[in-house]
PDB file of N, CA and C in Angstrom:
ATOM      1  N   MET A   1     -66.035 121.826  43.952  1.00  0.00           N
ATOM      2  CA  MET A   1     -66.564 120.057  44.705  1.00  0.00           C
ATOM      3  C   MET A   1     -67.641 120.623  45.148  1.00  0.00           C
ATOM      4  N   THR A   2     -68.451 119.724  44.801  1.00  0.00           N
ATOM      5  CA  THR A   2     -69.889 119.583  45.708  1.00  0.00           C
ATOM      6  C   THR A   2     -70.132 117.910  46.129  1.00  0.00           C
ATOM      7  N   THR A   3     -71.433 118.353  46.644  1.00  0.00           N
ATOM      8  CA  THR A   3     -71.805 116.826  47.383  1.00  0.00           C
ATOM      9  C   THR A   3     -72.902 116.620  46.689  1.00  0.00           C
ATOM     10  N   LEU A   4     -73.380 115.585  46.396  1.00  0.00           N
ATOM     11  CA  LEU A   4     -74.690 114.891  45.379  1.00  0.00           C
ATOM     12  C   LEU A   4     -75.318 115.087  47.020  1.00  0.00           C
ATOM     13  N   LYS A   5     -76.695 116.206  46.734  1.00  0.00           N
ATOM     14  CA  LYS A   5     -78.301 115.933  47.943  1.00  0.00           C
ATOM     15  C   LYS A   5     -78.582 114.162  47.771  1.00  0.00           C
ATOM     16  N   GLY A   6     -78.742 113.604  48.997  1.00  0.00           N
ATOM     17  CA  GLY A   6     -78.715 112.224  49.416  1.00  0.00           C
ATOM     18  C   GLY A   6     -77.614 111.140  49.163  1.00  0.00           C
ATOM     19  N   VAL A   7     -76.678 111.695  48.697  1.00  0.00           N
ATOM     20  CA  VAL A   7     -75.987 110.426  48.022  1.00  0.00           C
ATOM     21  C   VAL A   7     -74.273 111.151  49.330  1.00  0.00           C
ATOM     22  N   ASN A   8     -74.020 110.142  49.818  1.00  0.00           N
ATOM     23  CA  ASN A   8     -72.483 110.311  50.774  1.00  0.00           C
ATOM     24  C   ASN A   8     -71.575 110.031  49.564  1.00  0.00           C
ATOM     25  N   LYS A   9     -71.151 110.737  48.291  1.00  0.00           N
ATOM     26  CA  LYS A   9     -70.146 110.791  47.874  1.00  0.00           C
ATOM     27  C   LYS A   9     -69.762 112.390  47.847  1.00  0.00           C
ATOM     28  N   THR A  10     -69.011 112.468  47.431  1.00  0.00           N
ATOM     29  CA  THR A  10     -67.845 113.889  46.861  1.00  0.00           C
ATOM     30  C   THR A  10     -67.614 113.672  46.030  1.00  0.00           C
ATOM     31  N   VAL A  11     -68.122 115.135  45.241  1.00  0.00           N
ATOM     32  CA  VAL A  11     -67.687 114.921  43.246  1.00  0.00           C
ATOM     33  C   VAL A  11     -67.177 116.306  43.094  1.00  0.00           C
ATOM     34  N   LEU A  12     -65.993 115.777  42.318  1.00  0.00           N
ATOM     35  CA  LEU A  12     -65.348 116.817  41.502  1.00  0.00           C
ATOM     36  C   LEU A  12     -65.865 116.829  40.328  1.00  0.00           C
ATOM     37  N   GLU A  13     -66.493 118.259  39.547  1.00  0.00           N
ATOM     38  CA  GLU A  13     -66.619 118.230  38.419  1.00  0.00           C
ATOM     39  C   GLU A  13     -66.140 119.549  37.653  1.00  0.00           C
ATOM     40  N   LEU A  14     -65.361 119.202  36.296  1.00  0.00           N
ATOM     41  CA  LEU A  14     -64.914 119.841  35.568  1.00  0.00           C
ATOM     42  C   LEU A  14     -65.712 120.432  34.438  1.00  0.00           C
ATOM     43  N   SER A  15     -66.369 121.350  34.558  1.00  0.00           N
ATOM     44  CA  SER A  15     -67.200 121.998  33.432  1.00  0.00           C
ATOM     45  C   SER A  15     -66.229 122.802  32.211  1.00  0.00           C
ATOM     46  N   ASN A  16     -66.669 122.398  31.296  1.00  0.00           N
ATOM     47  CA  ASN A  16     -65.981 122.854  30.024  1.00  0.00           C
ATOM     48  C   ASN A  16     -64.018 123.043  30.118  1.00  0.00           C
ATOM     49  N   PRO A  17     -63.917 121.625  29.811  1.00  0.00           N
ATOM     50  CA  PRO A  17     -62.616 121.108  29.762  1.00  0.00           C
ATOM     51  C   PRO A  17     -61.972 121.304  28.733  1.00  0.00           C
ATOM     52  N   ASP A  18     -60.913 121.611  28.306  1.00  0.00           N
ATOM     53  CA  ASP A  18     -60.073 121.655  27.063  1.00  0.00           C
ATOM     54  C   ASP A  18     -59.937 120.548  26.341  1.00  0.00           C
ATOM     55  N   SER A  19     -61.612 120.264  25.786  1.00  0.00           N
ATOM     56  CA  SER A  19     -61.644 119.101  24.777  1.00  0.00           C
ATOM     57  C   SER A  19     -62.333 119.503  23.834  1.00  0.00           C
ATOM     58  N   ASP A  20     -62.597 118.952  22.712  1.00  0.00           N
ATOM     59  CA  ASP A  20     -63.425 119.098  21.397  1.00  0.00           C
ATOM     60  C   ASP A  20     -64.047 118.279  21.899  1.00  0.00           C
ATOM     61  N   TYR A  21     -64.324 117.352  22.403  1.00  0.00           N
ATOM     62  CA  TYR A  21     -65.418 116.374  22.507  1.00  0.00           C
ATOM     63  C   TYR A  21     -66.221 116.391  23.766  1.00  0.00           C
ATOM     64  N   PHE A  22     -65.875 116.789  24.915  1.00  0.00           N
ATOM     65  CA  PHE A  22     -66.758 116.760  26.447  1.00  0.00           C
ATOM     66  C   PHE A  22     -66.815 117.965  26.629  1.00  0.00           C
ATOM     67  N   GLU A  23     -67.802 118.184  27.085  1.00  0.00           N
ATOM     68  CA  GLU A  23     -68.331 119.476  27.687  1.00  0.00           C
ATOM     69  C   GLU A  23     -67.964 119.736  29.565  1.00  0.00           C
ATOM     70  N   ARG A  24     -68.393 118.577  30.164  1.00  0.00           N
ATOM     71  CA  ARG A  24     -68.703 118.001  31.350  1.00  0.00           C
ATOM     72  C   ARG A  24     -67.829 116.941  31.738  1.00  0.00           C
ATOM     73  N   ILE A  25     -66.966 116.887  32.923  1.00  0.00           N
ATOM     74  CA  ILE A  25     -66.542 115.629  33.409  1.00  0.00           C
ATOM     75  C   ILE A  25     -66.640 115.339  34.742  1.00  0.00           C
ATOM     76  N   VAL A  26     -67.395 114.054  35.320  1.00  0.00           N
ATOM     77  CA  VAL A  26     -67.343 114.076  36.868  1.00  0.00           C
ATOM     78  C   VAL A  26     -66.439 113.155  37.195  1.00  0.00           C
ATOM     79  N   PHE A  27     -65.902 113.371  38.508  1.00  0.00           N
ATOM     80  CA  PHE A  27     -64.978 112.361  39.214  1.00  0.00           C
ATOM     81  C   PHE A  27     -65.905 112.365  40.579  1.00  0.00           C
ATOM     82  N   TYR A  28     -65.528 111.032  41.095  1.00  0.00           N
ATOM     83  CA  TYR A  28     -66.404 110.302  42.250  1.00  0.00           C
ATOM     84  C   TYR A  28     -65.278 110.505  43.192  1.00  0.00           C
ATOM     85  N   VAL A  29     -64.925 111.184  43.960  1.00  0.00           N
ATOM     86  CA  VAL A  29     -63.386 110.870  44.705  1.00  0.00           C
ATOM     87  C   VAL A  29     -63.415 109.827  46.203  1.00  0.00           C
ATOM     88  N   LYS A  30     -62.690 109.305  46.213  1.00  0.00           N
ATOM     89  CA  LYS A  30     -62.745 107.831  47.039  1.00  0.00           C
ATOM     90  C   LYS A  30     -63.078 108.247  48.537  1.00  0.00           C
ATOM     91  N   PRO A  31     -63.694 108.490  49.223  1.00  0.00           N
ATOM     92  CA  PRO A  31     -63.988 108.163  50.546  1.00  0.00           C
ATOM     93  C   PRO A  31     -63.264 108.471  51.456  1.00  0.00           C
ATOM     94  N   ASN A  32     -62.009 108.067  51.628  1.00  0.00           N
ATOM     95  CA  ASN A  32     -60.484 108.252  52.629  1.00  0.00           C
ATOM     96  C   ASN A  32     -60.194 109.501  52.146  1.00  0.00           C
ATOM     97  N   LEU A  33     -60.390 110.077  50.795  1.00  0.00           N
ATOM     98  CA  LEU A  33     -59.772 111.265  50.638  1.00  0.00           C
ATOM     99  C   LEU A  33     -60.577 112.772  49.927  1.00  0.00           C
ATOM    100  N   LYS A  34     -61.817 112.285  51.151  1.00  0.00           N
ATOM    101  CA  LYS A  34     -62.815 113.821  51.251  1.00  0.00           C
ATOM    102  C   LYS A  34     -62.096 114.693  51.916  1.00  0.00           C
ATOM    103  N   THR A  35     -61.030 114.820  52.566  1.00  0.00           N
ATOM    104  CA  THR A  35     -60.652 115.784  53.318  1.00  0.00           C
ATOM    105  C   THR A  35     -59.460 116.312  52.265  1.00  0.00           C
ATOM    106  N   SER A  36     -59.040 115.827  50.947  1.00  0.00           N
ATOM    107  CA  SER A  36     -57.625 116.262  50.374  1.00  0.00           C
ATOM    108  C   SER A  36     -58.004 118.005  49.551  1.00  0.00           C
ATOM    109  N   ASP A  37     -56.676 118.427  49.593  1.00  0.00           N
ATOM    110  CA  ASP A  37     -56.683 119.511  48.820  1.00  0.00           C
ATOM    111  C   ASP A  37     -57.558 119.808  47.981  1.00  0.00           C
ATOM    112  N   LYS A  38     -58.269 120.702  47.648  1.00  0.00           N
ATOM    113  CA  LYS A  38     -59.102 120.887  46.045  1.00  0.00           C
ATOM    114  C   LYS A  38     -57.918 121.054  44.874  1.00  0.00           C
ATOM    115  N   ASN A  39     -56.963 121.777  44.991  1.00  0.00           N
ATOM    116  CA  ASN A  39     -56.028 121.802  44.169  1.00  0.00           C
ATOM    117  C   ASN A  39     -55.421 119.933  43.978  1.00  0.00           C
ATOM    118  N   THR A  40     -55.388 120.053  44.843  1.00  0.00           N
ATOM    119  CA  THR A  40     -54.832 118.314  44.481  1.00  0.00           C
ATOM    120  C   THR A  40     -55.500 117.406  43.654  1.00  0.00           C
ATOM    121  N   LEU A  41     -56.981 117.795  44.126  1.00  0.00           N
ATOM    122  CA  LEU A  41     -57.903 116.730  43.414  1.00  0.00           C
ATOM    123  C   LEU A  41     -57.644 117.133  41.837  1.00  0.00           C
ATOM    124  N   ARG A  42     -58.259 118.548  41.990  1.00  0.00           N
ATOM    125  CA  ARG A  42     -58.330 119.030  40.240  1.00  0.00           C
ATOM    126  C   ARG A  42     -57.038 118.657  39.478  1.00  0.00           C
ATOM    127  N   SER A  43     -55.898 118.771  39.965  1.00  0.00           N
ATOM    128  CA  SER A  43     -54.462 118.442  39.423  1.00  0.00           C
ATOM    129  C   SER A  43     -54.215 116.945  39.257  1.00  0.00           C
ATOM    130  N   GLU A  44     -55.134 116.041  39.779  1.00  0.00           N
ATOM    131  CA  GLU A  44     -54.858 114.712  39.454  1.00  0.00           C
ATOM    132  C   GLU A  44     -55.650 114.025  38.631  1.00  0.00           C
ATOM    133  N   ALA A  45     -57.018 114.819  38.711  1.00  0.00           N
ATOM    134  CA  ALA A  45     -58.281 114.667  37.397  1.00  0.00           C
ATOM    135  C   ALA A  45     -57.648 115.167  36.315  1.00  0.00           C
ATOM    136  N   GLU A  46     -57.070 116.855  36.127  1.00  0.00           N
ATOM    137  CA  GLU A  46     -56.587 116.792  35.227  1.00  0.00           C
ATOM    138  C   GLU A  46     -55.646 115.996  34.373  1.00  0.00           C
ATOM    139  N   HIS A  47     -54.619 115.280  34.950  1.00  0.00           N
ATOM    140  CA  HIS A  47     -53.449 114.063  34.732  1.00  0.00           C
ATOM    141  C   HIS A  47     -54.203 113.434  34.144  1.00  0.00           C
ATOM    142  N   ILE A  48     -55.480 112.393  35.033  1.00  0.00           N
ATOM    143  CA  ILE A  48     -56.495 111.563  34.599  1.00  0.00           C
ATOM    144  C   ILE A  48     -56.656 111.608  33.051  1.00  0.00           C
ATOM    145  N   LEU A  49     -57.233 112.862  32.908  1.00  0.00           N
ATOM    146  CA  LEU A  49     -57.869 113.390  31.286  1.00  0.00           C
ATOM    147  C   LEU A  49     -56.945 113.598  30.399  1.00  0.00           C
ATOM    148  N   ALA A  50     -55.735 113.974  30.988  1.00  0.00           N
ATOM    149  CA  ALA A  50     -54.708 114.161  29.832  1.00  0.00           C
ATOM    150  C   ALA A  50     -54.408 112.724  28.857  1.00  0.00           C
ATOM    151  N   GLN A  51     -54.291 111.472  29.998  1.00  0.00           N
ATOM    152  CA  GLN A  51     -54.247 110.347  29.470  1.00  0.00           C
ATOM    153  C   GLN A  51     -55.294 109.525  28.982  1.00  0.00           C
ATOM    154  N   LEU A  52     -56.428 109.800  29.596  1.00  0.00           N
ATOM    155  CA  LEU A  52     -57.468 109.164  28.438  1.00  0.00           C
ATOM    156  C   LEU A  52     -58.174 110.084  27.363  1.00  0.00           C
ATOM    157  N   SER A  53     -57.824 111.245  27.048  1.00  0.00           N
ATOM    158  CA  SER A  53     -57.634 112.409  26.117  1.00  0.00           C
ATOM    159  C   SER A  53     -57.750 111.433  24.191  1.00  0.00           C
ATOM    160  N   PRO A  54     -58.659 111.426  23.899  1.00  0.00           N
ATOM    161  CA  PRO A  54     -58.366 111.073  22.368  1.00  0.00           C
ATOM    162  C   PRO A  54     -57.568 111.297  21.701  1.00  0.00           C
ATOM    163  N   SER A  55     -56.608 111.214  20.820  1.00  0.00           N
ATOM    164  CA  SER A  55     -55.703 111.936  19.797  1.00  0.00           C
ATOM    165  C   SER A  55     -56.500 113.123  19.260  1.00  0.00           C
ATOM    166  N   ARG A  56     -55.792 113.788  19.127  1.00  0.00           N
ATOM    167  CA  ARG A  56     -56.277 114.964  17.874  1.00  0.00           C
ATOM    168  C   ARG A  56     -56.880 114.747  16.607  1.00  0.00           C
ATOM    169  N   PRO A  57     -57.656 115.532  16.473  1.00  0.00           N
ATOM    170  CA  PRO A  57     -58.438 115.013  15.165  1.00  0.00           C
ATOM    171  C   PRO A  57     -57.509 114.973  13.671  1.00  0.00           C
ATOM    172  N   SER A  58     -56.514 115.666  13.534  1.00  0.00           N
ATOM    173  CA  SER A  58     -55.781 115.947  12.984  1.00  0.00           C
ATOM    174  C   SER A  58     -54.791 114.557  12.617  1.00  0.00           C
ATOM    175  N   GLN A  59     -54.698 113.659  13.727  1.00  0.00           N
ATOM    176  CA  GLN A  59     -53.679 112.422  14.485  1.00  0.00           C
ATOM    177  C   GLN A  59     -54.748 111.514  13.629  1.00  0.00           C
ATOM    178  N   ILE A  60     -56.195 111.183  13.726  1.00  0.00           N
ATOM    179  CA  ILE A  60     -56.808 110.475  13.660  1.00  0.00           C
ATOM    180  C   ILE A  60     -57.349 110.624  12.282  1.00  0.00           C
ATOM    181  N   GLY A  61     -57.261 111.645  11.497  1.00  0.00           N
ATOM    182  CA  GLY A  61     -57.087 111.558  10.195  1.00  0.00           C
ATOM    183  C   GLY A  61     -55.905 110.946   9.377  1.00  0.00           C
ATOM    184  N   LYS A  62     -54.794 111.345  10.062  1.00  0.00           N
ATOM    185  CA  LYS A  62     -53.682 110.852   9.493  1.00  0.00           C
ATOM    186  C   LYS A  62     -53.642 109.201   9.587  1.00  0.00           C
ATOM    187  N   GLN A  63     -54.379 108.992  10.695  1.00  0.00           N
ATOM    188  CA  GLN A  63     -54.383 107.411  10.802  1.00  0.00           C
ATOM    189  C   GLN A  63     -55.766 106.540   9.412  1.00  0.00           C
ATOM    190  N   PHE A  64     -56.517 107.602   9.671  1.00  0.00           N
ATOM    191  CA  PHE A  64     -57.641 107.332   8.613  1.00  0.00           C
ATOM    192  C   PHE A  64     -56.534 107.260   6.722  1.00  0.00           C
ATOM    193  N   LEU A  65     -55.894 108.324   6.677  1.00  0.00           N
ATOM    194  CA  LEU A  65     -55.753 108.192   5.318  1.00  0.00           C
ATOM    195  C   LEU A  65     -54.599 106.952   5.243  1.00  0.00           C
ATOM    196  N   LEU A  66     -53.449 106.812   6.018  1.00  0.00           N
ATOM    197  CA  LEU A  66     -52.838 105.823   5.905  1.00  0.00           C
ATOM    198  C   LEU A  66     -53.220 104.248   5.695  1.00  0.00           C
ATOM    199  N   ARG A  67     -54.864 103.898   6.069  1.00  0.00           N
ATOM    200  CA  ARG A  67     -55.100 102.958   6.171  1.00  0.00           C
ATOM    201  C   ARG A  67     -56.389 103.192   4.645  1.00  0.00           C
ATOM    202  N   LEU A  68     -56.256 103.613   4.495  1.00  0.00           N
ATOM    203  CA  LEU A  68     -57.019 104.011   3.042  1.00  0.00           C
ATOM    204  C   LEU A  68     -55.913 104.005   2.033  1.00  0.00           C
ATOM    205  N   LEU A  69     -54.701 104.214   2.245  1.00  0.00           N
ATOM    206  CA  LEU A  69     -53.936 104.430   1.121  1.00  0.00           C
ATOM    207  C   LEU A  69     -53.224 103.013   0.973  1.00  0.00           C
ATOM    208  N   ALA A  70     -52.955 101.937   2.261  1.00  0.00           N
ATOM    209  CA  ALA A  70     -52.742 100.531   1.916  1.00  0.00           C
ATOM    210  C   ALA A  70     -53.693 100.200   1.680  1.00  0.00           C
ATOM    211  N   PHE A  71     -55.103 100.375   2.122  1.00  0.00           N
ATOM    212  CA  PHE A  71     -56.521  99.605   1.345  1.00  0.00           C
ATOM    213  C   PHE A  71     -55.926  99.640  -0.497  1.00  0.00           C
ATOM    214  N   SER A  72     -56.105 100.934  -0.589  1.00  0.00           N
ATOM    215  CA  SER A  72     -56.092 101.403  -2.247  1.00  0.00           C
ATOM    216  C   SER A  72     -54.859 100.739  -2.875  1.00  0.00           C
ATOM    217  N   LEU A  73     -53.761 100.526  -2.510  1.00  0.00           N
ATOM    218  CA  LEU A  73     -52.838  99.643  -2.900  1.00  0.00           C
ATOM    219  C   LEU A  73     -52.945  98.526  -2.791  1.00  0.00           C
ATOM    220  N   SER A  74     -53.446  98.088  -2.082  1.00  0.00           N
ATOM    221  CA  SER A  74     -53.856  96.009  -2.093  1.00  0.00           C
ATOM    222  C   SER A  74     -54.878  96.110  -3.173  1.00  0.00           C
ATOM    223  N   ALA A  75     -55.963  97.337  -3.411  1.00  0.00           N
ATOM    224  CA  ALA A  75     -56.781  96.812  -4.373  1.00  0.00           C
ATOM    225  C   ALA A  75     -56.447  97.044  -5.644  1.00  0.00           C
ATOM    226  N   ALA A  76     -55.615  98.004  -5.972  1.00  0.00           N
ATOM    227  CA  ALA A  76     -54.747  98.134  -6.906  1.00  0.00           C
ATOM    228  C   ALA A  76     -54.091  96.706  -7.437  1.00  0.00           C
ATOM    229  N   GLY A  77     -53.357  96.502  -6.383  1.00  0.00           N
ATOM    230  CA  GLY A  77     -52.288  95.208  -6.805  1.00  0.00           C
ATOM    231  C   GLY A  77     -53.134  93.694  -6.914  1.00  0.00           C
ATOM    232  N   GLY A  78     -54.375  93.771  -6.582  1.00  0.00           N
ATOM    233  CA  GLY A  78     -55.231  92.706  -6.277  1.00  0.00           C
ATOM    234  C   GLY A  78     -56.115  93.086  -8.106  1.00  0.00           C
ATOM    235  N   ALA A  79     -56.384  94.042  -8.318  1.00  0.00           N
ATOM    236  CA  ALA A  79     -56.650  94.541  -9.838  1.00  0.00           C
ATOM    237  C   ALA A  79     -55.818  93.643 -11.232  1.00  0.00           C
ATOM    238  N   ALA A  80     -54.261  94.295 -10.336  1.00  0.00           N
ATOM    239  CA  ALA A  80     -53.341  93.895 -11.540  1.00  0.00           C
ATOM    240  C   ALA A  80     -53.006  92.635 -11.680  1.00  0.00           C
ATOM    241  N   ILE A  81     -53.074  91.754 -10.927  1.00  0.00           N
ATOM    242  CA  ILE A  81     -52.907  90.392 -10.649  1.00  0.00           C
ATOM    243  C   ILE A  81     -54.136  89.529 -11.801  1.00  0.00           C
ATOM    244  N   THR A  82     -55.270  90.000 -11.382  1.00  0.00           N
ATOM    245  CA  THR A  82     -56.446  89.544 -12.155  1.00  0.00           C
ATOM    246  C   THR A  82     -56.569  89.712 -13.724  1.00  0.00           C
ATOM    247  N   ALA A  83     -56.121  90.973 -13.680  1.00  0.00           N
ATOM    248  CA  ALA A  83     -55.767  91.444 -14.977  1.00  0.00           C
ATOM    249  C   ALA A  83     -54.627  90.602 -15.830  1.00  0.00           C
ATOM    250  N   PHE A  84     -53.493  90.475 -15.393  1.00  0.00           N
ATOM    251  CA  PHE A  84     -52.802  89.345 -15.823  1.00  0.00           C
ATOM    252  C   PHE A  84     -52.902  88.545 -15.764  1.00  0.00           C
ATOM    253  N   TRP A  85     -53.870  87.755 -15.347  1.00  0.00           N
ATOM    254  CA  TRP A  85     -54.253  86.061 -15.120  1.00  0.00           C
ATOM    255  C   TRP A  85     -55.663  85.846 -16.400  1.00  0.00           C
ATOM    256  N   LEU A  86     -56.162  87.347 -16.472  1.00  0.00           N
ATOM    257  CA  LEU A  86     -57.064  87.201 -17.556  1.00  0.00           C
ATOM    258  C   LEU A  86     -56.337  87.020 -18.974  1.00  0.00           C
ATOM    259  N   LYS A  87     -55.536  87.639 -19.443  1.00  0.00           N
ATOM    260  CA  LYS A  87     -54.916  87.452 -20.394  1.00  0.00           C
ATOM    261  C   LYS A  87     -54.245  86.302 -21.409  1.00  0.00           C
TER     262      LYS A  87
END
């Protein structure tokens, strides 16, 4: 936990979190909680990070593949209908 020079704020900085996306995350501690235990602040920060972290890349890929499949099926259905009408 560090204090910024010239600023009356307490900052909790997590370097190299277990994330594929972020290398450093900064939390500004509320003024009334400046005297809180460092371990309590860190565990709360990690709890917030767990809630805000994006889905794993494999889950994002699955969603993309499902959308691509749905689009492909729609396009194939539209082509079939068009071919039927043109006969």
